[in-house]
């Protein structure tokens, strides 16, 4: 999956640091960085958790 909308932009709209988003999701900051860079494809479960945390539909953040 590639980011449809920049994950970093959505994270910053919520005034979250990478570390804070990672803590809320129960993952490492490194994983958040990799998702933002497009070098890590999250599982559907993690993609749904990211979408829920950012208040967007998963389709608005990730696409095949």
N, C-alpha and C. Protein backbone atom coordinates (compact mmCIF):
# COMPACT_ATOMS: atom_id res chain seq x y z
N UNK A 1 0.84 -1.19 0.00
CA UNK A 1 0.00 0.00 0.00
C UNK A 1 0.88 1.24 0.00
N UNK A 2 0.42 2.23 -0.67
CA UNK A 2 1.09 3.52 -0.67
C UNK A 2 0.17 4.54 -0.04
N UNK A 3 0.74 5.54 0.62
CA UNK A 3 -0.13 6.56 1.20
C UNK A 3 -0.93 7.30 0.13
N UNK A 4 -2.22 7.42 0.31
CA UNK A 4 -3.07 8.19 -0.61
C UNK A 4 -2.99 9.67 -0.27
N UNK A 5 -3.02 9.97 1.00
CA UNK A 5 -2.80 11.32 1.51
C UNK A 5 -1.56 11.21 2.38
N UNK A 6 -0.73 12.23 2.39
CA UNK A 6 0.47 12.13 3.22
C UNK A 6 0.14 11.88 4.69
N UNK A 7 0.57 10.74 5.18
CA UNK A 7 0.33 10.38 6.58
C UNK A 7 0.90 11.44 7.50
N UNK A 8 2.05 11.98 7.14
CA UNK A 8 2.67 13.02 7.97
C UNK A 8 1.74 14.24 8.08
N UNK A 9 1.15 14.65 6.97
CA UNK A 9 0.24 15.79 6.97
C UNK A 9 -0.95 15.54 7.89
N UNK A 10 -1.52 14.35 7.79
CA UNK A 10 -2.67 14.01 8.64
C UNK A 10 -2.27 13.97 10.11
N UNK A 11 -1.08 13.45 10.38
CA UNK A 11 -0.59 13.39 11.77
C UNK A 11 -0.40 14.80 12.32
N UNK A 12 0.19 15.68 11.52
CA UNK A 12 0.44 17.05 11.97
C UNK A 12 -0.86 17.84 12.15
N UNK A 13 -1.88 17.53 11.31
CA UNK A 13 -3.19 18.18 11.49
C UNK A 13 -3.76 17.89 12.87
N UNK A 14 -3.42 16.73 13.43
CA UNK A 14 -3.89 16.34 14.76
C UNK A 14 -2.90 16.76 15.85
N UNK A 15 -1.85 17.52 15.45
CA UNK A 15 -0.83 18.00 16.39
C UNK A 15 -0.17 16.85 17.15
N UNK A 16 0.16 15.80 16.43
CA UNK A 16 0.81 14.64 17.03
C UNK A 16 2.23 14.52 16.52
N UNK A 17 3.14 14.17 17.42
CA UNK A 17 4.49 13.82 17.00
C UNK A 17 4.47 12.37 16.55
N UNK A 18 5.54 11.95 15.89
CA UNK A 18 5.63 10.54 15.51
C UNK A 18 5.60 9.67 16.76
N UNK A 19 6.29 10.11 17.80
CA UNK A 19 6.35 9.33 19.04
C UNK A 19 4.97 9.22 19.68
N UNK A 20 4.20 10.30 19.68
CA UNK A 20 2.86 10.27 20.29
C UNK A 20 1.92 9.37 19.50
N UNK A 21 1.96 9.47 18.18
CA UNK A 21 1.12 8.59 17.37
C UNK A 21 1.51 7.14 17.59
N UNK A 22 2.80 6.89 17.62
CA UNK A 22 3.29 5.52 17.87
C UNK A 22 2.79 5.00 19.22
N UNK A 23 2.87 5.82 20.24
CA UNK A 23 2.41 5.41 21.57
C UNK A 23 0.93 5.08 21.55
N UNK A 24 0.14 5.93 20.90
CA UNK A 24 -1.31 5.70 20.84
C UNK A 24 -1.66 4.43 20.07
N UNK A 25 -0.83 4.08 19.10
CA UNK A 25 -1.09 2.90 18.29
C UNK A 25 -0.43 1.64 18.86
N UNK A 26 0.46 1.82 19.83
CA UNK A 26 1.16 0.68 20.41
C UNK A 26 2.22 0.11 19.48
N UNK A 27 2.86 0.99 18.70
CA UNK A 27 3.92 0.59 17.78
C UNK A 27 5.13 1.47 18.02
N UNK A 28 6.21 1.20 17.31
CA UNK A 28 7.42 2.01 17.49
C UNK A 28 7.36 3.27 16.62
N UNK A 29 8.12 4.26 17.02
CA UNK A 29 8.25 5.49 16.21
C UNK A 29 8.86 5.16 14.86
N UNK A 30 9.72 4.17 14.85
CA UNK A 30 10.36 3.75 13.60
C UNK A 30 9.32 3.24 12.60
N UNK A 31 8.30 2.54 13.10
CA UNK A 31 7.24 2.06 12.22
C UNK A 31 6.45 3.23 11.65
N UNK A 32 6.16 4.23 12.48
CA UNK A 32 5.46 5.42 12.00
C UNK A 32 6.29 6.11 10.92
N UNK A 33 7.59 6.27 11.16
CA UNK A 33 8.47 6.89 10.16
C UNK A 33 8.44 6.11 8.85
N UNK A 34 8.49 4.79 8.94
CA UNK A 34 8.50 3.95 7.74
C UNK A 34 7.16 4.06 6.98
N UNK A 35 6.06 4.12 7.70
CA UNK A 35 4.76 4.29 7.05
C UNK A 35 4.71 5.64 6.35
N UNK A 36 5.20 6.68 7.01
CA UNK A 36 5.20 8.02 6.40
C UNK A 36 6.08 8.07 5.16
N UNK A 37 7.17 7.31 5.17
CA UNK A 37 8.09 7.29 4.03
C UNK A 37 7.60 6.36 2.92
N UNK A 38 6.58 5.55 3.22
CA UNK A 38 6.06 4.62 2.23
C UNK A 38 6.89 3.37 2.08
N UNK A 39 7.77 3.10 3.05
CA UNK A 39 8.62 1.90 2.99
C UNK A 39 8.07 0.76 3.84
N UNK A 40 6.95 0.96 4.48
CA UNK A 40 6.32 -0.07 5.31
C UNK A 40 4.84 -0.11 4.99
N UNK A 41 4.35 -1.30 4.66
CA UNK A 41 2.92 -1.49 4.40
C UNK A 41 2.29 -2.09 5.65
N UNK A 42 1.44 -1.34 6.32
CA UNK A 42 0.84 -1.86 7.55
C UNK A 42 -0.17 -2.97 7.25
N UNK A 43 -0.37 -3.82 8.24
CA UNK A 43 -1.43 -4.83 8.13
C UNK A 43 -2.76 -4.09 8.08
N UNK A 44 -3.80 -4.79 7.66
CA UNK A 44 -5.13 -4.16 7.62
C UNK A 44 -5.56 -3.73 9.01
N UNK A 45 -5.20 -4.51 10.01
CA UNK A 45 -5.53 -4.15 11.39
C UNK A 45 -4.86 -2.84 11.79
N UNK A 46 -3.57 -2.72 11.51
CA UNK A 46 -2.85 -1.50 11.85
C UNK A 46 -3.35 -0.32 11.01
N UNK A 47 -3.61 -0.55 9.73
CA UNK A 47 -4.12 0.52 8.88
C UNK A 47 -5.45 1.05 9.42
N UNK A 48 -6.30 0.15 9.90
CA UNK A 48 -7.59 0.57 10.48
C UNK A 48 -7.37 1.35 11.77
N UNK A 49 -6.41 0.93 12.59
CA UNK A 49 -6.12 1.66 13.83
C UNK A 49 -5.58 3.05 13.53
N UNK A 50 -4.71 3.16 12.51
CA UNK A 50 -4.17 4.47 12.10
C UNK A 50 -5.32 5.37 11.65
N UNK A 51 -6.18 4.83 10.81
CA UNK A 51 -7.32 5.60 10.30
C UNK A 51 -8.22 6.08 11.43
N UNK A 52 -8.51 5.19 12.36
CA UNK A 52 -9.38 5.55 13.49
C UNK A 52 -8.72 6.64 14.33
N UNK A 53 -7.42 6.51 14.57
CA UNK A 53 -6.70 7.50 15.39
C UNK A 53 -6.67 8.87 14.70
N UNK A 54 -6.59 8.87 13.37
CA UNK A 54 -6.50 10.13 12.64
C UNK A 54 -7.87 10.65 12.20
N UNK A 55 -8.92 9.89 12.49
CA UNK A 55 -10.27 10.35 12.19
C UNK A 55 -10.59 10.38 10.70
N UNK A 56 -9.98 9.48 9.94
CA UNK A 56 -10.22 9.41 8.50
C UNK A 56 -10.55 7.98 8.11
N UNK A 57 -11.28 7.78 7.02
CA UNK A 57 -11.49 6.41 6.55
C UNK A 57 -10.15 5.83 6.06
N UNK A 58 -9.99 4.55 6.24
CA UNK A 58 -8.73 3.91 5.85
C UNK A 58 -8.43 4.15 4.37
N UNK A 59 -9.47 4.20 3.54
CA UNK A 59 -9.29 4.42 2.11
C UNK A 59 -8.72 5.81 1.81
N UNK A 60 -8.93 6.76 2.70
CA UNK A 60 -8.42 8.11 2.50
C UNK A 60 -6.93 8.21 2.84
N UNK A 61 -6.41 7.21 3.53
CA UNK A 61 -5.01 7.24 3.93
C UNK A 61 -4.18 6.24 3.12
N UNK A 62 -4.74 5.05 2.92
CA UNK A 62 -4.01 3.98 2.23
C UNK A 62 -4.81 3.49 1.05
N UNK A 63 -4.12 3.14 0.00
CA UNK A 63 -4.77 2.50 -1.15
C UNK A 63 -3.82 1.46 -1.71
N UNK A 64 -4.34 0.47 -2.46
CA UNK A 64 -3.47 -0.60 -3.00
C UNK A 64 -2.51 -0.09 -4.05
